[in-house]
Amino acid sequence: MEDNSKPLVSILMPTYNRAKMISLAIASILEQSYTNWELLVIDNESADNTKEVVEEYTRRDKRIKYYNVEKDYKIGIASYLNYGIDISKGKYIARLDDDDEWCDPDKLKKQVNFLEENKEYVIVGGGAIMVDGNRKEIYKFFKREKDFEIRNHALYANPFWHNTVLFRRDTAIEAGGYKKARFVEDWELWLRLGRYGKLFNYKEYFSLYMNAGQNRSTENQKLTAKIILQYIKDYRNEYPNYRKAYVINFMQYLFSFLPLFIKKRVQNFLFFIKRNYL
């Protein structure tokens, strides 16, 4: 396997106790038609055998690198993502969670070509397929495609799906990297990157996203909703439709107070509506 000393793409994969799942994520990267990448697996002190699983891949492919980083109980995933950006070598940054997969083998190829040919753009994403723990499809969704559409809806809902993005490393560093927030740190970064250039989403499915009760932001809906409301306030003068966006997301905050059995029955439907239409 080739050893790319100067990869064009750096893929960030924070992980914790995912020895049973991470192989699928890594395999989907290895299946990419674009090969000039490095994968940085950033482990926050897993207690299972995640390290052994990943190191087996590192022995076979020099593009895959394993880092064990001290657990950060206060900040959350943002600190690991910023660590990855700091040590990365690529011109572009991609993201993939340790329990998800890329489903389009040409994802990186399409996105790299797009950013190489369109210098005014700072980030490009795509659609995702929500699946359950057995990888059975729940629903699909696209994000807004063109720059003006994304900006018009950027305060309503997260304008990019994190596991589908490719963005410019230098621009992210100039913007200050991920904000040290416990949840939805990606949404705030996209809003900041919008200050530096244009935004785009492919109308193609790039990622499988597993929704099997393991997502931290879902488990902490009240805090997540409060953080989102603060983001909307922070960027109300930079993106349109502030009042409508605030009302919609305040309703989501109220939803977080409902009994768990009610939320479980309807939240996938509500997520579908928000991700497809907002």
Protein backbone atom coordinates (compact mmCIF):
# COMPACT_ATOMS: atom_id res chain seq x y z
CA MET A 1 0.00 0.00 0.00
CA GLU A 2 1.30 3.43 -0.91
CA ASP A 3 2.70 5.75 1.73
CA ASN A 4 1.55 9.31 1.09
CA SER A 5 3.98 11.60 2.93
CA LYS A 6 2.00 14.64 1.76
CA PRO A 7 -1.68 13.65 1.72
CA LEU A 8 -4.15 16.10 0.23
CA VAL A 9 -6.97 14.98 2.56
CA SER A 10 -6.81 14.39 6.32
CA ILE A 11 -9.72 12.36 7.72
CA LEU A 12 -10.49 12.88 11.41
CA MET A 13 -12.07 10.03 13.36
CA PRO A 14 -12.39 10.53 17.15
CA THR A 15 -13.25 7.28 18.91
CA TYR A 16 -14.10 5.81 22.29
CA ASN A 17 -14.88 2.16 23.03
CA ARG A 18 -15.94 1.30 19.48
CA ALA A 19 -13.84 -1.79 18.86
CA LYS A 20 -16.90 -3.63 17.52
CA MET A 21 -17.92 -0.86 15.09
CA ILE A 22 -14.85 1.03 13.94
CA SER A 23 -13.77 -1.54 11.36
CA LEU A 24 -16.82 -0.75 9.19
CA ALA A 25 -15.96 2.95 9.27
CA ILE A 26 -12.32 2.34 8.34
CA ALA A 27 -13.28 -0.14 5.62
CA SER A 28 -15.50 2.47 3.96
CA ILE A 29 -12.51 4.82 3.78
CA LEU A 30 -10.30 2.12 2.30
CA GLU A 31 -12.94 1.61 -0.41
CA GLN A 32 -12.62 5.22 -1.62
CA SER A 33 -11.46 5.62 -5.22
CA TYR A 34 -9.46 8.67 -4.15
CA THR A 35 -6.33 7.44 -2.35
CA ASN A 36 -4.24 10.50 -1.39
CA TRP A 37 -5.46 10.70 2.21
CA GLU A 38 -4.42 10.08 5.79
CA LEU A 39 -6.75 8.78 8.49
CA LEU A 40 -6.14 10.12 12.01
CA VAL A 41 -7.89 7.93 14.59
CA ILE A 42 -7.98 9.93 17.83
CA ASP A 43 -8.79 7.69 20.79
CA ASN A 44 -9.84 9.34 24.06
CA GLU A 45 -8.61 6.53 26.30
CA SER A 46 -10.86 3.65 25.25
CA ALA A 47 -11.29 0.92 27.86
CA ASP A 48 -11.94 -1.84 25.31
CA ASN A 49 -9.60 -3.14 22.59
CA THR A 50 -10.15 -0.26 20.15
CA LYS A 51 -6.40 0.40 20.12
CA GLU A 52 -5.58 -3.17 19.06
CA VAL A 53 -8.22 -3.12 16.32
CA VAL A 54 -6.95 0.16 14.85
CA GLU A 55 -3.28 -0.74 15.17
CA GLU A 56 -3.89 -3.82 13.05
CA TYR A 57 -4.94 -1.42 10.28
CA THR A 58 -1.93 0.84 10.87
CA ARG A 59 0.41 -2.10 10.32
CA ARG A 60 -1.20 -2.82 6.98
CA ASP A 61 -1.65 0.74 5.72
CA LYS A 62 0.74 3.59 6.57
CA ARG A 63 -1.95 6.16 5.76
CA ILE A 64 -3.80 5.15 8.93
CA LYS A 65 -2.44 6.60 12.18
CA TYR A 66 -3.51 6.01 15.77
CA TYR A 67 -3.30 8.58 18.60
CA ASN A 68 -4.31 8.02 22.20
CA VAL A 69 -5.30 11.36 23.74
CA GLU A 70 -6.12 12.11 27.37
CA LYS A 71 -9.85 12.24 28.03
CA ASP A 72 -11.41 15.70 28.18
CA TYR A 73 -14.51 15.57 30.38
CA LYS A 74 -15.48 19.23 29.99
CA ILE A 75 -15.24 20.17 26.34
CA GLY A 76 -16.34 17.11 24.44
CA ILE A 77 -15.41 16.09 20.92
CA ALA A 78 -14.30 19.58 19.82
CA SER A 79 -10.96 19.28 21.59
CA TYR A 80 -10.16 16.03 19.75
CA LEU A 81 -11.17 17.51 16.40
CA ASN A 82 -8.95 20.54 16.96
CA TYR A 83 -6.11 18.22 17.97
CA GLY A 84 -6.60 16.36 14.70
CA ILE A 85 -6.58 19.55 12.64
CA ASP A 86 -3.38 20.69 14.36
CA ILE A 87 -1.45 17.49 13.55
CA SER A 88 -2.98 16.91 10.12
CA LYS A 89 -0.96 17.28 6.92
CA GLY A 90 -3.74 17.64 4.38
CA LYS A 91 -4.97 20.65 2.48
CA TYR A 92 -8.51 19.48 3.18
CA ILE A 93 -10.22 18.03 6.26
CA ALA A 94 -12.86 15.29 6.17
CA ARG A 95 -14.83 13.75 9.04
CA LEU A 96 -16.17 10.32 9.76
CA ASP A 97 -17.53 9.03 13.05
CA ASP A 98 -16.35 5.67 14.34
CA ASP A 99 -19.79 4.08 14.01
CA ASP A 100 -20.73 5.43 10.58
CA GLU A 101 -19.70 4.71 6.99
CA TRP A 102 -19.19 6.47 3.70
CA CYS A 103 -21.53 4.87 1.19
CA ASP A 104 -20.24 6.48 -2.02
CA PRO A 105 -16.78 5.21 -3.06
CA ASP A 106 -16.25 8.40 -5.09
CA LYS A 107 -17.14 10.80 -2.25
CA LEU A 108 -13.63 12.17 -1.71
CA LYS A 109 -12.85 12.25 -5.41
CA LYS A 110 -15.92 14.38 -6.17
CA GLN A 111 -15.33 16.76 -3.28
CA VAL A 112 -11.60 17.23 -3.85
CA ASN A 113 -12.21 17.97 -7.53
CA PHE A 114 -14.94 20.45 -6.59
CA LEU A 115 -12.78 22.42 -4.13
CA GLU A 116 -9.75 22.32 -6.43
CA GLU A 117 -11.83 23.77 -9.26
CA ASN A 118 -13.86 26.25 -7.19
CA LYS A 119 -11.47 28.28 -5.05
CA GLU A 120 -14.23 30.56 -3.73
CA TYR A 121 -15.82 27.64 -1.83
CA VAL A 122 -14.64 26.69 1.66
CA ILE A 123 -16.75 23.60 2.40
CA VAL A 124 -18.68 20.97 0.49
CA GLY A 125 -21.02 18.32 1.91
CA GLY A 126 -23.67 15.87 0.77
CA GLY A 127 -26.67 13.78 1.73
CA ALA A 128 -26.91 11.00 4.31
CA ILE A 129 -28.89 7.83 4.95
CA MET A 130 -30.11 7.25 8.50
CA VAL A 131 -29.87 3.58 9.50
CA ASP A 132 -30.59 1.54 12.61
CA GLY A 133 -28.19 -0.72 14.50
CA ASN A 134 -28.61 -3.42 11.84
CA ARG A 135 -27.74 -0.96 9.06
CA LYS A 136 -31.37 -0.98 7.89
CA GLU A 137 -32.49 2.28 6.31
CA ILE A 138 -34.77 4.52 8.38
CA TYR A 139 -34.86 7.51 6.01
CA LYS A 140 -32.68 9.58 3.67
CA PHE A 141 -32.08 13.30 3.55
CA PHE A 142 -30.31 15.99 1.57
CA LYS A 143 -29.17 19.39 2.76
CA ARG A 144 -29.67 22.64 0.82
CA GLU A 145 -27.49 22.61 -2.28
CA LYS A 146 -26.49 26.09 -3.44
CA ASP A 147 -24.75 28.79 -1.43
CA PHE A 148 -27.70 31.20 -1.26
CA GLU A 149 -30.06 28.38 -0.26
CA ILE A 150 -27.71 27.20 2.48
CA ARG A 151 -27.34 30.72 3.88
CA ASN A 152 -31.08 31.35 3.85
CA HIS A 153 -31.65 28.23 5.97
CA ALA A 154 -28.42 28.14 7.99
CA LEU A 155 -30.12 29.23 11.23
CA TYR A 156 -33.07 26.86 10.89
CA ALA A 157 -31.01 23.67 11.04
CA ASN A 158 -27.44 22.47 10.70
CA PRO A 159 -26.60 23.24 7.03
CA PHE A 160 -24.13 20.34 6.64
CA TRP A 161 -24.08 16.73 7.78
CA HIS A 162 -20.77 16.38 9.63
CA ASN A 163 -19.80 12.97 8.24
CA THR A 164 -20.17 14.18 4.65
CA VAL A 165 -18.09 17.37 4.69
CA LEU A 166 -14.76 18.30 3.17
CA PHE A 167 -13.40 21.73 4.12
CA ARG A 168 -10.24 23.77 3.73
CA ARG A 169 -7.81 23.20 6.60
CA ASP A 170 -6.13 26.63 6.40
CA THR A 171 -9.50 28.40 6.44
CA ALA A 172 -10.66 26.38 9.46
CA ILE A 173 -7.46 27.29 11.32
CA GLU A 174 -7.84 30.95 10.38
CA ALA A 175 -11.44 30.83 11.63
CA GLY A 176 -10.28 29.41 14.99
CA GLY A 177 -11.20 25.75 14.57
CA TYR A 178 -14.05 24.07 16.38
CA LYS A 179 -15.59 26.04 19.22
CA LYS A 180 -15.13 24.40 22.61
CA ALA A 181 -18.75 23.34 23.03
CA ARG A 182 -20.09 20.02 24.27
CA PHE A 183 -22.55 19.55 21.39
CA VAL A 184 -23.30 20.69 17.80
CA GLU A 185 -19.80 22.15 17.56
CA ASP A 186 -19.91 21.50 13.81
CA TRP A 187 -22.91 23.78 13.15
CA GLU A 188 -21.15 26.74 14.73
CA LEU A 189 -18.00 26.11 12.66
CA TRP A 190 -20.00 26.05 9.41
CA LEU A 191 -21.56 29.40 10.31
CA ARG A 192 -18.09 30.81 10.90
CA LEU A 193 -16.65 29.33 7.71
CA GLY A 194 -19.43 31.07 5.82
CA ARG A 195 -17.62 34.33 6.55
CA TYR A 196 -14.67 33.20 4.45
CA GLY A 197 -16.24 31.75 1.34
CA LYS A 198 -19.10 29.96 -0.37
CA LEU A 199 -20.90 26.78 0.69
CA PHE A 200 -22.16 23.79 -1.30
CA ASN A 201 -23.89 20.43 -0.80
CA TYR A 202 -24.05 17.64 -3.37
CA LYS A 203 -27.48 16.16 -3.99
CA GLU A 204 -25.91 12.75 -3.57
CA TYR A 205 -25.76 10.37 -0.61
CA PHE A 206 -22.28 10.23 0.89
CA SER A 207 -22.75 8.75 4.37
CA LEU A 208 -24.61 6.16 6.41
CA TYR A 209 -25.47 7.55 9.84
CA MET A 210 -26.29 5.03 12.54
CA ASN A 211 -29.09 6.03 14.89
CA ALA A 212 -29.16 3.30 17.53
CA GLY A 213 -29.37 5.29 20.75
CA GLN A 214 -25.63 5.96 20.96
CA ASN A 215 -25.64 9.64 20.00
CA ARG A 216 -24.63 11.98 22.83
CA SER A 217 -26.47 15.03 21.56
CA THR A 218 -29.70 13.01 21.41
CA GLU A 219 -29.17 11.88 25.00
CA ASN A 220 -28.67 15.51 26.10
CA GLN A 221 -31.46 17.18 24.16
CA LYS A 222 -32.10 20.03 26.59
CA LEU A 223 -28.50 21.20 26.64
CA THR A 224 -28.14 20.69 22.89
CA ALA A 225 -31.26 22.78 22.23
CA LYS A 226 -30.01 25.57 24.49
CA ILE A 227 -26.65 25.65 22.70
CA ILE A 228 -28.40 25.84 19.33
CA LEU A 229 -30.52 28.78 20.49
CA GLN A 230 -27.34 30.57 21.53
CA TYR A 231 -25.75 29.96 18.13
CA ILE A 232 -28.82 31.40 16.43
CA LYS A 233 -28.52 34.53 18.57
CA ASP A 234 -24.78 34.83 17.94
CA TYR A 235 -25.21 34.78 14.15
CA ARG A 236 -28.53 36.62 13.81
CA ASN A 237 -26.86 39.56 12.03
CA GLU A 238 -24.93 37.38 9.56
CA TYR A 239 -27.64 35.02 8.29
CA PRO A 240 -31.31 35.74 7.47
CA ASN A 241 -34.54 34.49 9.06
CA TYR A 242 -33.42 34.85 12.67
CA ARG A 243 -36.88 35.16 14.23
CA LYS A 244 -38.39 32.16 12.43
CA ALA A 245 -35.31 30.08 13.14
CA TYR A 246 -35.42 30.98 16.82
CA VAL A 247 -39.10 30.06 17.13
CA ILE A 248 -38.61 26.70 15.39
CA ASN A 249 -35.64 25.78 17.56
CA PHE A 250 -37.32 27.04 20.72
CA MET A 251 -40.08 24.53 19.98
CA GLN A 252 -37.37 21.88 19.82
CA TYR A 253 -36.18 23.04 23.23
CA LEU A 254 -39.73 22.63 24.60
CA PHE A 255 -39.90 19.19 22.99
CA SER A 256 -36.87 18.15 25.06
CA PHE A 257 -38.99 18.39 28.23
CA LEU A 258 -41.50 15.77 27.09
CA PRO A 259 -41.45 12.30 28.70
CA LEU A 260 -38.94 9.96 27.10
CA PHE A 261 -41.56 7.47 25.86
CA ILE A 262 -43.27 10.23 23.85
CA LYS A 263 -40.01 11.53 22.39
CA LYS A 264 -38.97 8.06 21.28
CA ARG A 265 -42.22 7.62 19.37
CA VAL A 266 -42.04 10.84 17.37
CA GLN A 267 -38.46 12.11 17.32
CA ASN A 268 -37.35 10.21 14.19
CA PHE A 269 -40.30 11.71 12.32
CA LEU A 270 -39.47 15.21 13.60
CA PHE A 271 -35.79 14.76 12.75
CA PHE A 272 -36.82 13.68 9.25
CA ILE A 273 -38.91 16.85 8.82
CA LYS A 274 -36.16 19.13 10.10
CA ARG A 275 -33.36 17.51 8.09
CA ASN A 276 -35.32 17.35 4.84
CA TYR A 277 -37.24 20.59 4.89
CA LEU A 278 -35.22 22.99 7.04
